[in-house]
Each structure stands twice: as C-alpha cells, then as structure tokens.
C-alpha cells in the first residue's frame, strides 16, 4: 500500500507517517518499505484514477511515494503509537488474511476446473473413437441377418437399435414385455412424423403419464397390453422384422442376439397376433 493511502487510513499527514518511518529506519528493511521509482510512480498514477496519488491539493507531491508491504504495515502501528493506528493495522491485517484465503480458494478452483476440462477432452476423444467404431461396424455388417452382442456392449447395442429405428419411414411395431421410459428414449430417435405401437405386459413399468409426456413431443404413440408373447420383436413399416433376444432397454447388459425375419408371412402373423390378443 502507498504511504498517502495509509496516511488517510491512519488519520495522519503523509509527511508525519514518513517521518516516523525515517526515525525508526531499522524497523523498516526494504522488504517492509521501499520508495517507488519515477517510472513505477507514473505507471501507478495512470492506473489509480481515484487514489490519493492523483490528488493535486497543496501543489501535489514533490517526492516519490513509499510503498509498504504487509509486514511494513504491521510495523507502522508500533511507530505511530496511536489507538487509531493500532486498530487500523488490525483491520488491514485481517483484510490481507481474507485476501490470501480467497486467492488460495480461487487457485484450488482453477486447478479443479482445469482437471475437469482435461477429463472432458479425454472423454470427448474416447466418445468420438467409439462412434467411429460403431459406425464402421454398422457399415461393414449392415447386410448381416444376425448380430450378437456380448455383455458390456451397451453402447454398441444402443447404437444399433437407434440405427434400426431410424430406418423406419412411417410405422414401428414393438413387442416387448418390459417397456419403460428408457424404451421411449430409444424410440424417440425415429422420424417424429410417424406412428409407434407398443405391445407390452400389463405389469410393464410404463404409465399413462409417460405416454402423455411422450406424445406431447413425439406423437403418436399407442401402448397396448398383452400376455401372448415371451420374446421381443421389432417391426418396421410392416415389412422389416427383427427377433430381439433382450428388451431394448437392457440391450448390451447381457449377451443377446438380433435376427432378421425374412418371411413376410411371419411378420404379418406377429402383427395380427399382437392385435387380437391386446387390450
């Protein structure tokens, strides 16, 4: 802090403050108190529009100001020897303590943010590589009639499911006894302009409110209840059929397979069976 600013706080003249320092020079080594150079003073003036440095009363300053470090400010209270000086020094010291706490906490926060950013970049790179692997797999196996996913391949299975759903042009039929909100999240990947009909068990954990919420954004969805099916089937546009070995919400959690149904008669029979046994 500059001597003129400290003089205001200590309620003394700047001249008196500096005289007290000179009389006790041994108590103020350079690490406690030092005089600014002309260049430092001019630079400080340009940055301190409201400081006493820029006051022009009494003809302005004729001598370069002294700057006091935290230790020098603490020492001032002992040489000025007034109750105001003592109390002011205490308040200034408390301020320095709070500033150090703030700077320490800010430093820790910046370090944490930097660590998070590094992890995020690494995760994005890993995700991009994962996407490339999945797309390469789908591209190279898109003509396969059968696919097997082993436990742990959750992302791969999810990607294939969403890719199949996006192939539909106007209608999807899903026969799956264990439908829930997670299932709807996957079905939301389809073209929003066409219909979905789900056939599931009466005990399936999907509520009327879930259906209303889905239809508010992605109409139109119908959910019907049936106990006629054990396995899961996905039918796209009444022409493409798939036999799925697990509920699509659980795809990848355990080893399962997906088989393409080539017989249109079987596809039509599945749709008809679902319709006549559901409510």
C-alpha atoms as a PDB file:
ATOM      1  CA  UNK A   1       0.000   0.000   0.000  1.00  0.00           C
ATOM      2  CA  UNK A   2       1.137   3.587  -0.739  1.00  0.00           C
ATOM      3  CA  UNK A   3       2.069   5.953   2.101  1.00  0.00           C
ATOM      4  CA  UNK A   4      -0.592   8.540   1.166  1.00  0.00           C
ATOM      5  CA  UNK A   5      -3.358   5.927   1.228  1.00  0.00           C
ATOM      6  CA  UNK A   6      -2.129   4.604   4.564  1.00  0.00           C
ATOM      7  CA  UNK A   7      -1.987   8.134   5.964  1.00  0.00           C
ATOM      8  CA  UNK A   8      -5.692   8.545   5.200  1.00  0.00           C
ATOM      9  CA  UNK A   9      -6.498   5.280   6.979  1.00  0.00           C
ATOM     10  CA  UNK A  10      -4.292   6.124   9.978  1.00  0.00           C
ATOM     11  CA  UNK A  11      -5.716   9.689  10.066  1.00  0.00           C
ATOM     12  CA  UNK A  12      -2.302  11.377   9.936  1.00  0.00           C
ATOM     13  CA  UNK A  13      -0.461  13.508   7.375  1.00  0.00           C
ATOM     14  CA  UNK A  14       1.643  11.641   4.822  1.00  0.00           C
ATOM     15  CA  UNK A  15       4.644  13.707   5.921  1.00  0.00           C
ATOM     16  CA  UNK A  16       4.217  12.659   9.552  1.00  0.00           C
ATOM     17  CA  UNK A  17       3.879   8.989   8.592  1.00  0.00           C
ATOM     18  CA  UNK A  18       7.110   9.046   6.572  1.00  0.00           C
ATOM     19  CA  UNK A  19       8.950  10.954   9.300  1.00  0.00           C
ATOM     20  CA  UNK A  20       8.009   8.237  11.806  1.00  0.00           C
ATOM     21  CA  UNK A  21       9.413   5.651   9.435  1.00  0.00           C
ATOM     22  CA  UNK A  22      12.683   7.581   8.996  1.00  0.00           C
ATOM     23  CA  UNK A  23      13.132   7.903  12.757  1.00  0.00           C
ATOM     24  CA  UNK A  24      12.772   4.101  13.011  1.00  0.00           C
ATOM     25  CA  UNK A  25      14.504   3.098   9.810  1.00  0.00           C
ATOM     26  CA  UNK A  26      15.988  -0.065  11.318  1.00  0.00           C
ATOM     27  CA  UNK A  27      12.463  -1.405  11.747  1.00  0.00           C
ATOM     28  CA  UNK A  28      11.681  -0.997   8.057  1.00  0.00           C
ATOM     29  CA  UNK A  29      14.060  -3.017   5.873  1.00  0.00           C
ATOM     30  CA  UNK A  30      13.432  -2.929   2.136  1.00  0.00           C
ATOM     31  CA  UNK A  31      11.157  -5.970   2.290  1.00  0.00           C
ATOM     32  CA  UNK A  32       8.916  -3.900   4.648  1.00  0.00           C
ATOM     33  CA  UNK A  33       9.094  -0.497   2.944  1.00  0.00           C
ATOM     34  CA  UNK A  34      10.653   0.863  -0.276  1.00  0.00           C
ATOM     35  CA  UNK A  35      10.441   4.020  -2.381  1.00  0.00           C
ATOM     36  CA  UNK A  36       8.892   3.811  -5.835  1.00  0.00           C
ATOM     37  CA  UNK A  37      10.921   4.742  -8.903  1.00  0.00           C
ATOM     38  CA  UNK A  38       9.692   7.548 -11.166  1.00  0.00           C
ATOM     39  CA  UNK A  39       8.571   5.015 -13.790  1.00  0.00           C
ATOM     40  CA  UNK A  40       6.701   2.923 -11.193  1.00  0.00           C
ATOM     41  CA  UNK A  41       5.041   6.052  -9.806  1.00  0.00           C
ATOM     42  CA  UNK A  42       3.871   7.261 -13.239  1.00  0.00           C
ATOM     43  CA  UNK A  43       2.566   3.793 -14.107  1.00  0.00           C
ATOM     44  CA  UNK A  44       0.703   3.605 -10.802  1.00  0.00           C
ATOM     45  CA  UNK A  45      -0.777   7.067 -11.337  1.00  0.00           C
ATOM     46  CA  UNK A  46      -2.150   6.031 -14.732  1.00  0.00           C
ATOM     47  CA  UNK A  47      -3.939   3.051 -13.140  1.00  0.00           C
ATOM     48  CA  UNK A  48      -5.224   4.775  -9.980  1.00  0.00           C
ATOM     49  CA  UNK A  49      -7.820   7.300 -11.062  1.00  0.00           C
ATOM     50  CA  UNK A  50      -9.389   7.545  -7.586  1.00  0.00           C
ATOM     51  CA  UNK A  51      -6.235   7.159  -5.498  1.00  0.00           C
ATOM     52  CA  UNK A  52      -4.696   9.909  -3.389  1.00  0.00           C
ATOM     53  CA  UNK A  53      -1.777   9.603  -5.808  1.00  0.00           C
ATOM     54  CA  UNK A  54      -3.702  11.788  -8.244  1.00  0.00           C
ATOM     55  CA  UNK A  55      -4.766  14.467  -5.749  1.00  0.00           C
ATOM     56  CA  UNK A  56      -3.449  17.881  -6.697  1.00  0.00           C
ATOM     57  CA  UNK A  57      -4.124  19.638  -3.417  1.00  0.00           C
ATOM     58  CA  UNK A  58      -1.308  21.681  -1.905  1.00  0.00           C
ATOM     59  CA  UNK A  59       0.583  21.546  -5.203  1.00  0.00           C
ATOM     60  CA  UNK A  60       0.730  17.732  -5.405  1.00  0.00           C
ATOM     61  CA  UNK A  61       3.654  15.533  -4.310  1.00  0.00           C
ATOM     62  CA  UNK A  62       7.218  16.699  -4.649  1.00  0.00           C
ATOM     63  CA  UNK A  63       8.788  13.381  -3.571  1.00  0.00           C
ATOM     64  CA  UNK A  64       8.288   9.872  -4.817  1.00  0.00           C
ATOM     65  CA  UNK A  65       5.967   7.874  -2.518  1.00  0.00           C
ATOM     66  CA  UNK A  66       6.888   4.960  -0.314  1.00  0.00           C
ATOM     67  CA  UNK A  67       5.188   1.569  -0.647  1.00  0.00           C
ATOM     68  CA  UNK A  68       4.603  -0.683   2.366  1.00  0.00           C
ATOM     69  CA  UNK A  69       4.320  -4.474   2.331  1.00  0.00           C
ATOM     70  CA  UNK A  70       2.096  -6.396   4.726  1.00  0.00           C
ATOM     71  CA  UNK A  71       4.920  -6.620   7.291  1.00  0.00           C
ATOM     72  CA  UNK A  72       5.644  -2.903   6.943  1.00  0.00           C
ATOM     73  CA  UNK A  73       2.007  -2.028   7.567  1.00  0.00           C
ATOM     74  CA  UNK A  74       2.039  -4.136  10.725  1.00  0.00           C
ATOM     75  CA  UNK A  75       5.191  -2.333  11.901  1.00  0.00           C
ATOM     76  CA  UNK A  76       3.606   1.110  11.352  1.00  0.00           C
ATOM     77  CA  UNK A  77       1.249   0.651  14.272  1.00  0.00           C
ATOM     78  CA  UNK A  78       4.227   0.364  16.623  1.00  0.00           C
ATOM     79  CA  UNK A  79       5.914   3.572  15.455  1.00  0.00           C
ATOM     80  CA  UNK A  80       2.825   5.760  15.098  1.00  0.00           C
ATOM     81  CA  UNK A  81       1.707   4.754  18.598  1.00  0.00           C
ATOM     82  CA  UNK A  82      -1.932   5.748  18.450  1.00  0.00           C
ATOM     83  CA  UNK A  83      -5.108   3.823  19.101  1.00  0.00           C
ATOM     84  CA  UNK A  84      -6.326   4.645  15.568  1.00  0.00           C
ATOM     85  CA  UNK A  85      -3.088   3.255  14.090  1.00  0.00           C
ATOM     86  CA  UNK A  86      -3.357   0.043  16.117  1.00  0.00           C
ATOM     87  CA  UNK A  87      -6.989  -0.598  15.187  1.00  0.00           C
ATOM     88  CA  UNK A  88      -6.372   0.313  11.560  1.00  0.00           C
ATOM     89  CA  UNK A  89      -3.415  -2.088  11.346  1.00  0.00           C
ATOM     90  CA  UNK A  90      -5.556  -4.877  12.788  1.00  0.00           C
ATOM     91  CA  UNK A  91      -8.244  -4.289  10.171  1.00  0.00           C
ATOM     92  CA  UNK A  92      -5.689  -4.177   7.362  1.00  0.00           C
ATOM     93  CA  UNK A  93      -4.047  -7.389   8.588  1.00  0.00           C
ATOM     94  CA  UNK A  94      -7.454  -9.095   8.702  1.00  0.00           C
ATOM     95  CA  UNK A  95      -8.033  -7.941   5.114  1.00  0.00           C
ATOM     96  CA  UNK A  96      -4.723  -9.431   3.992  1.00  0.00           C
ATOM     97  CA  UNK A  97      -5.648 -12.742   5.627  1.00  0.00           C
ATOM     98  CA  UNK A  98      -9.003 -12.818   3.821  1.00  0.00           C
ATOM     99  CA  UNK A  99      -7.303 -11.956   0.538  1.00  0.00           C
ATOM    100  CA  UNK A 100      -4.891 -14.867   0.936  1.00  0.00           C
ATOM    101  CA  UNK A 101      -7.789 -17.210   1.692  1.00  0.00           C
ATOM    102  CA  UNK A 102      -9.643 -16.001  -1.389  1.00  0.00           C
ATOM    103  CA  UNK A 103      -6.569 -16.385  -3.615  1.00  0.00           C
ATOM    104  CA  UNK A 104      -5.904 -19.860  -2.224  1.00  0.00           C
ATOM    105  CA  UNK A 105      -9.508 -20.972  -2.795  1.00  0.00           C
ATOM    106  CA  UNK A 106      -9.512 -19.436  -6.276  1.00  0.00           C
ATOM    107  CA  UNK A 107      -6.300 -21.276  -7.117  1.00  0.00           C
ATOM    108  CA  UNK A 108      -7.822 -24.588  -5.992  1.00  0.00           C
ATOM    109  CA  UNK A 109     -10.957 -23.853  -8.014  1.00  0.00           C
ATOM    110  CA  UNK A 110      -8.920 -23.118 -11.142  1.00  0.00           C
ATOM    111  CA  UNK A 111      -6.984 -26.355 -10.670  1.00  0.00           C
ATOM    112  CA  UNK A 112     -10.235 -28.340 -10.330  1.00  0.00           C
ATOM    113  CA  UNK A 113     -11.730 -26.651 -13.402  1.00  0.00           C
ATOM    114  CA  UNK A 114      -8.574 -27.384 -15.365  1.00  0.00           C
ATOM    115  CA  UNK A 115      -8.677 -31.043 -14.283  1.00  0.00           C
ATOM    116  CA  UNK A 116     -12.350 -31.283 -15.304  1.00  0.00           C
ATOM    117  CA  UNK A 117     -11.582 -29.743 -18.682  1.00  0.00           C
ATOM    118  CA  UNK A 118      -8.762 -32.226 -19.280  1.00  0.00           C
ATOM    119  CA  UNK A 119     -11.047 -35.154 -18.368  1.00  0.00           C
ATOM    120  CA  UNK A 120     -13.791 -33.771 -20.614  1.00  0.00           C
ATOM    121  CA  UNK A 121     -11.427 -33.513 -23.586  1.00  0.00           C
ATOM    122  CA  UNK A 122     -10.247 -37.088 -22.992  1.00  0.00           C
ATOM    123  CA  UNK A 123     -13.860 -38.291 -22.748  1.00  0.00           C
ATOM    124  CA  UNK A 124     -14.827 -36.493 -25.966  1.00  0.00           C
ATOM    125  CA  UNK A 125     -11.909 -38.081 -27.791  1.00  0.00           C
ATOM    126  CA  UNK A 126     -12.841 -41.505 -26.427  1.00  0.00           C
ATOM    127  CA  UNK A 127     -16.503 -40.996 -27.422  1.00  0.00           C
ATOM    128  CA  UNK A 128     -15.534 -39.943 -30.935  1.00  0.00           C
ATOM    129  CA  UNK A 129     -13.408 -43.066 -31.340  1.00  0.00           C
ATOM    130  CA  UNK A 130     -16.310 -45.143 -30.011  1.00  0.00           C
ATOM    131  CA  UNK A 131     -18.724 -43.595 -32.513  1.00  0.00           C
ATOM    132  CA  UNK A 132     -16.312 -44.293 -35.352  1.00  0.00           C
ATOM    133  CA  UNK A 133     -16.013 -47.932 -34.286  1.00  0.00           C
ATOM    134  CA  UNK A 134     -19.803 -48.340 -34.091  1.00  0.00           C
ATOM    135  CA  UNK A 135     -20.423 -46.674 -37.450  1.00  0.00           C
ATOM    136  CA  UNK A 136     -17.670 -48.729 -39.069  1.00  0.00           C
ATOM    137  CA  UNK A 137     -19.223 -51.855 -37.598  1.00  0.00           C
ATOM    138  CA  UNK A 138     -22.713 -50.975 -38.818  1.00  0.00           C
ATOM    139  CA  UNK A 139     -21.415 -50.076 -42.265  1.00  0.00           C
ATOM    140  CA  UNK A 140     -19.480 -53.313 -42.645  1.00  0.00           C
ATOM    141  CA  UNK A 141     -22.274 -55.508 -41.219  1.00  0.00           C
ATOM    142  CA  UNK A 142     -25.419 -53.800 -42.455  1.00  0.00           C
ATOM    143  CA  UNK A 143     -26.265 -56.724 -44.744  1.00  0.00           C
ATOM    144  CA  UNK A 144     -25.933 -59.295 -41.944  1.00  0.00           C
ATOM    145  CA  UNK A 145     -29.117 -61.087 -40.949  1.00  0.00           C
ATOM    146  CA  UNK A 146     -27.836 -61.824 -37.456  1.00  0.00           C
ATOM    147  CA  UNK A 147     -25.859 -59.872 -34.888  1.00  0.00           C
ATOM    148  CA  UNK A 148     -24.581 -60.933 -31.487  1.00  0.00           C
ATOM    149  CA  UNK A 149     -23.737 -58.531 -28.668  1.00  0.00           C
ATOM    150  CA  UNK A 150     -21.835 -59.655 -25.599  1.00  0.00           C
ATOM    151  CA  UNK A 151     -22.366 -58.341 -22.090  1.00  0.00           C
ATOM    152  CA  UNK A 152     -20.925 -54.877 -21.655  1.00  0.00           C
ATOM    153  CA  UNK A 153     -21.509 -53.774 -25.250  1.00  0.00           C
ATOM    154  CA  UNK A 154     -24.249 -51.384 -24.128  1.00  0.00           C
ATOM    155  CA  UNK A 155     -23.226 -48.515 -26.367  1.00  0.00           C
ATOM    156  CA  UNK A 156     -22.862 -50.719 -29.446  1.00  0.00           C
ATOM    157  CA  UNK A 157     -26.282 -52.274 -28.841  1.00  0.00           C
ATOM    158  CA  UNK A 158     -27.897 -48.894 -28.241  1.00  0.00           C
ATOM    159  CA  UNK A 159     -26.374 -47.528 -31.444  1.00  0.00           C
ATOM    160  CA  UNK A 160     -27.657 -50.459 -33.494  1.00  0.00           C
ATOM    161  CA  UNK A 161     -31.161 -50.146 -32.016  1.00  0.00           C
ATOM    162  CA  UNK A 162     -31.351 -46.433 -32.811  1.00  0.00           C
ATOM    163  CA  UNK A 163     -29.982 -47.083 -36.292  1.00  0.00           C
ATOM    164  CA  UNK A 164     -32.683 -49.688 -36.949  1.00  0.00           C
ATOM    165  CA  UNK A 165     -35.401 -47.367 -35.656  1.00  0.00           C
ATOM    166  CA  UNK A 166     -34.209 -44.553 -37.924  1.00  0.00           C
ATOM    167  CA  UNK A 167     -34.690 -46.847 -40.932  1.00  0.00           C
ATOM    168  CA  UNK A 168     -38.458 -46.832 -40.455  1.00  0.00           C
ATOM    169  CA  UNK A 169     -40.337 -44.498 -42.777  1.00  0.00           C
ATOM    170  CA  UNK A 170     -43.908 -44.441 -41.434  1.00  0.00           C
ATOM    171  CA  UNK A 171     -44.604 -47.039 -38.725  1.00  0.00           C
ATOM    172  CA  UNK A 172     -42.982 -49.030 -35.915  1.00  0.00           C
ATOM    173  CA  UNK A 173     -44.388 -52.005 -34.022  1.00  0.00           C
ATOM    174  CA  UNK A 174     -42.539 -53.080 -30.878  1.00  0.00           C
ATOM    175  CA  UNK A 175     -43.457 -56.234 -28.993  1.00  0.00           C
ATOM    176  CA  UNK A 176     -41.606 -56.132 -25.688  1.00  0.00           C
ATOM    177  CA  UNK A 177     -42.984 -57.230 -22.342  1.00  0.00           C
ATOM    178  CA  UNK A 178     -40.762 -54.962 -20.240  1.00  0.00           C
ATOM    179  CA  UNK A 179     -41.185 -51.489 -21.706  1.00  0.00           C
ATOM    180  CA  UNK A 180     -40.379 -48.441 -19.571  1.00  0.00           C
ATOM    181  CA  UNK A 181     -39.263 -44.819 -20.019  1.00  0.00           C
ATOM    182  CA  UNK A 182     -35.809 -45.984 -21.146  1.00  0.00           C
ATOM    183  CA  UNK A 183     -37.508 -47.698 -24.080  1.00  0.00           C
ATOM    184  CA  UNK A 184     -39.202 -44.439 -25.038  1.00  0.00           C
ATOM    185  CA  UNK A 185     -35.850 -42.662 -25.002  1.00  0.00           C
ATOM    186  CA  UNK A 186     -34.635 -45.053 -27.706  1.00  0.00           C
ATOM    187  CA  UNK A 187     -37.851 -44.804 -29.734  1.00  0.00           C
ATOM    188  CA  UNK A 188     -37.569 -41.016 -29.693  1.00  0.00           C
ATOM    189  CA  UNK A 189     -34.713 -41.378 -32.183  1.00  0.00           C
ATOM    190  CA  UNK A 190     -37.133 -42.167 -35.005  1.00  0.00           C
ATOM    191  CA  UNK A 191     -38.714 -39.831 -37.550  1.00  0.00           C
ATOM    192  CA  UNK A 192     -41.179 -37.750 -35.473  1.00  0.00           C
ATOM    193  CA  UNK A 193     -43.841 -37.782 -38.192  1.00  0.00           C
ATOM    194  CA  UNK A 194     -44.957 -41.416 -37.986  1.00  0.00           C
ATOM    195  CA  UNK A 195     -46.692 -43.704 -35.504  1.00  0.00           C
ATOM    196  CA  UNK A 196     -45.454 -46.220 -32.942  1.00  0.00           C
ATOM    197  CA  UNK A 197     -47.459 -49.072 -31.470  1.00  0.00           C
ATOM    198  CA  UNK A 198     -46.083 -50.952 -28.456  1.00  0.00           C
ATOM    199  CA  UNK A 199     -47.390 -54.265 -27.156  1.00  0.00           C
ATOM    200  CA  UNK A 200     -46.213 -54.977 -23.631  1.00  0.00           C
ATOM    201  CA  UNK A 201     -47.165 -56.870 -20.465  1.00  0.00           C
ATOM    202  CA  UNK A 202     -49.869 -55.464 -18.164  1.00  0.00           C
ATOM    203  CA  UNK A 203     -47.198 -55.211 -15.445  1.00  0.00           C
ATOM    204  CA  UNK A 204     -44.748 -53.208 -17.573  1.00  0.00           C
ATOM    205  CA  UNK A 205     -43.427 -50.118 -15.835  1.00  0.00           C
ATOM    206  CA  UNK A 206     -44.805 -47.518 -18.204  1.00  0.00           C
ATOM    207  CA  UNK A 207     -47.588 -45.221 -17.052  1.00  0.00           C
ATOM    208  CA  UNK A 208     -50.304 -43.256 -18.769  1.00  0.00           C
ATOM    209  CA  UNK A 209     -48.434 -40.086 -17.812  1.00  0.00           C
ATOM    210  CA  UNK A 210     -45.271 -41.386 -19.511  1.00  0.00           C
ATOM    211  CA  UNK A 211     -47.274 -41.909 -22.683  1.00  0.00           C
ATOM    212  CA  UNK A 212     -48.852 -38.448 -22.465  1.00  0.00           C
ATOM    213  CA  UNK A 213     -45.458 -36.843 -21.942  1.00  0.00           C
ATOM    214  CA  UNK A 214     -44.010 -38.685 -24.941  1.00  0.00           C
ATOM    215  CA  UNK A 215     -46.950 -37.802 -27.194  1.00  0.00           C
ATOM    216  CA  UNK A 216     -46.688 -34.148 -26.202  1.00  0.00           C
ATOM    217  CA  UNK A 217     -43.410 -34.021 -28.128  1.00  0.00           C
ATOM    218  CA  UNK A 218     -43.337 -37.114 -30.356  1.00  0.00           C
ATOM    219  CA  UNK A 219     -46.872 -38.047 -31.493  1.00  0.00           C
ATOM    220  CA  UNK A 220     -48.233 -40.533 -31.965  1.00  0.00           C
ATOM    221  CA  UNK A 221     -47.592 -43.415 -29.576  1.00  0.00           C
ATOM    222  CA  UNK A 222     -50.037 -46.173 -28.626  1.00  0.00           C
ATOM    223  CA  UNK A 223     -49.354 -48.708 -25.885  1.00  0.00           C
ATOM    224  CA  UNK A 224     -51.409 -51.904 -25.679  1.00  0.00           C
ATOM    225  CA  UNK A 225     -51.231 -54.709 -23.132  1.00  0.00           C
ATOM    226  CA  UNK A 226     -50.899 -58.404 -23.943  1.00  0.00           C
ATOM    227  CA  UNK A 227     -49.582 -61.582 -22.332  1.00  0.00           C
ATOM    228  CA  UNK A 228     -49.305 -63.533 -25.587  1.00  0.00           C
ATOM    229  CA  UNK A 229     -45.567 -63.045 -26.174  1.00  0.00           C
ATOM    230  CA  UNK A 230     -42.420 -64.212 -24.436  1.00  0.00           C
ATOM    231  CA  UNK A 231     -39.846 -62.957 -26.956  1.00  0.00           C
ATOM    232  CA  UNK A 232     -39.305 -59.438 -28.302  1.00  0.00           C
ATOM    233  CA  UNK A 233     -39.926 -58.291 -31.852  1.00  0.00           C
ATOM    234  CA  UNK A 234     -39.350 -55.063 -33.749  1.00  0.00           C
ATOM    235  CA  UNK A 235     -41.275 -54.497 -36.994  1.00  0.00           C
ATOM    236  CA  UNK A 236     -40.599 -51.529 -39.265  1.00  0.00           C
ATOM    237  CA  UNK A 237     -43.142 -50.329 -41.829  1.00  0.00           C
ATOM    238  CA  UNK A 238     -44.865 -53.756 -41.730  1.00  0.00           C
ATOM    239  CA  UNK A 239     -42.041 -55.073 -43.960  1.00  0.00           C
ATOM    240  CA  UNK A 240     -38.872 -55.444 -41.866  1.00  0.00           C
ATOM    241  CA  UNK A 241     -38.957 -57.730 -38.838  1.00  0.00           C
ATOM    242  CA  UNK A 242     -36.375 -58.444 -36.135  1.00  0.00           C
ATOM    243  CA  UNK A 243     -36.352 -61.011 -33.362  1.00  0.00           C
ATOM    244  CA  UNK A 244     -34.526 -59.480 -30.375  1.00  0.00           C
ATOM    245  CA  UNK A 245     -33.160 -61.594 -27.546  1.00  0.00           C
ATOM    246  CA  UNK A 246     -33.493 -58.892 -24.850  1.00  0.00           C
ATOM    247  CA  UNK A 247     -35.688 -55.945 -24.009  1.00  0.00           C
ATOM    248  CA  UNK A 248     -34.295 -52.998 -25.931  1.00  0.00           C
ATOM    249  CA  UNK A 249     -33.956 -51.022 -22.692  1.00  0.00           C
ATOM    250  CA  UNK A 250     -31.497 -53.691 -21.467  1.00  0.00           C
ATOM    251  CA  UNK A 251     -29.630 -54.165 -24.733  1.00  0.00           C
ATOM    252  CA  UNK A 252     -25.957 -54.866 -24.096  1.00  0.00           C
ATOM    253  CA  UNK A 253     -26.243 -55.598 -20.393  1.00  0.00           C
ATOM    254  CA  UNK A 254     -26.071 -59.340 -21.121  1.00  0.00           C
ATOM    255  CA  UNK A 255     -25.150 -61.390 -24.143  1.00  0.00           C
ATOM    256  CA  UNK A 256     -28.020 -61.382 -26.661  1.00  0.00           C
ATOM    257  CA  UNK A 257     -28.688 -61.612 -30.372  1.00  0.00           C
ATOM    258  CA  UNK A 258     -30.747 -59.878 -33.066  1.00  0.00           C
ATOM    259  CA  UNK A 259     -32.081 -61.883 -36.007  1.00  0.00           C
ATOM    260  CA  UNK A 260     -33.635 -60.544 -39.189  1.00  0.00           C
ATOM    261  CA  UNK A 261     -37.023 -62.133 -40.010  1.00  0.00           C
ATOM    262  CA  UNK A 262     -37.095 -62.747 -43.767  1.00  0.00           C
ATOM    263  CA  UNK A 263     -40.547 -64.352 -44.051  1.00  0.00           C
ATOM    264  CA  UNK A 264     -43.241 -61.699 -44.627  1.00  0.00           C
ATOM    265  CA  UNK A 265     -45.863 -64.236 -43.571  1.00  0.00           C
ATOM    266  CA  UNK A 266     -44.261 -64.468 -40.122  1.00  0.00           C
ATOM    267  CA  UNK A 267     -44.159 -60.674 -39.841  1.00  0.00           C
ATOM    268  CA  UNK A 268     -47.862 -60.392 -40.711  1.00  0.00           C
ATOM    269  CA  UNK A 269     -48.732 -63.191 -38.273  1.00  0.00           C
ATOM    270  CA  UNK A 270     -46.885 -61.387 -35.441  1.00  0.00           C
ATOM    271  CA  UNK A 271     -48.776 -58.155 -36.085  1.00  0.00           C
ATOM    272  CA  UNK A 272     -52.122 -59.939 -36.300  1.00  0.00           C
ATOM    273  CA  UNK A 273     -51.426 -61.974 -33.138  1.00  0.00           C
ATOM    274  CA  UNK A 274     -50.478 -58.865 -31.237  1.00  0.00           C
ATOM    275  CA  UNK A 275     -53.601 -57.023 -32.306  1.00  0.00           C
ATOM    276  CA  UNK A 276     -56.119 -59.744 -31.457  1.00  0.00           C
ATOM    277  CA  UNK A 277     -54.624 -60.540 -28.023  1.00  0.00           C
ATOM    278  CA  UNK A 278     -54.112 -56.980 -26.786  1.00  0.00           C
ATOM    279  CA  UNK A 279     -56.342 -54.575 -24.943  1.00  0.00           C
END
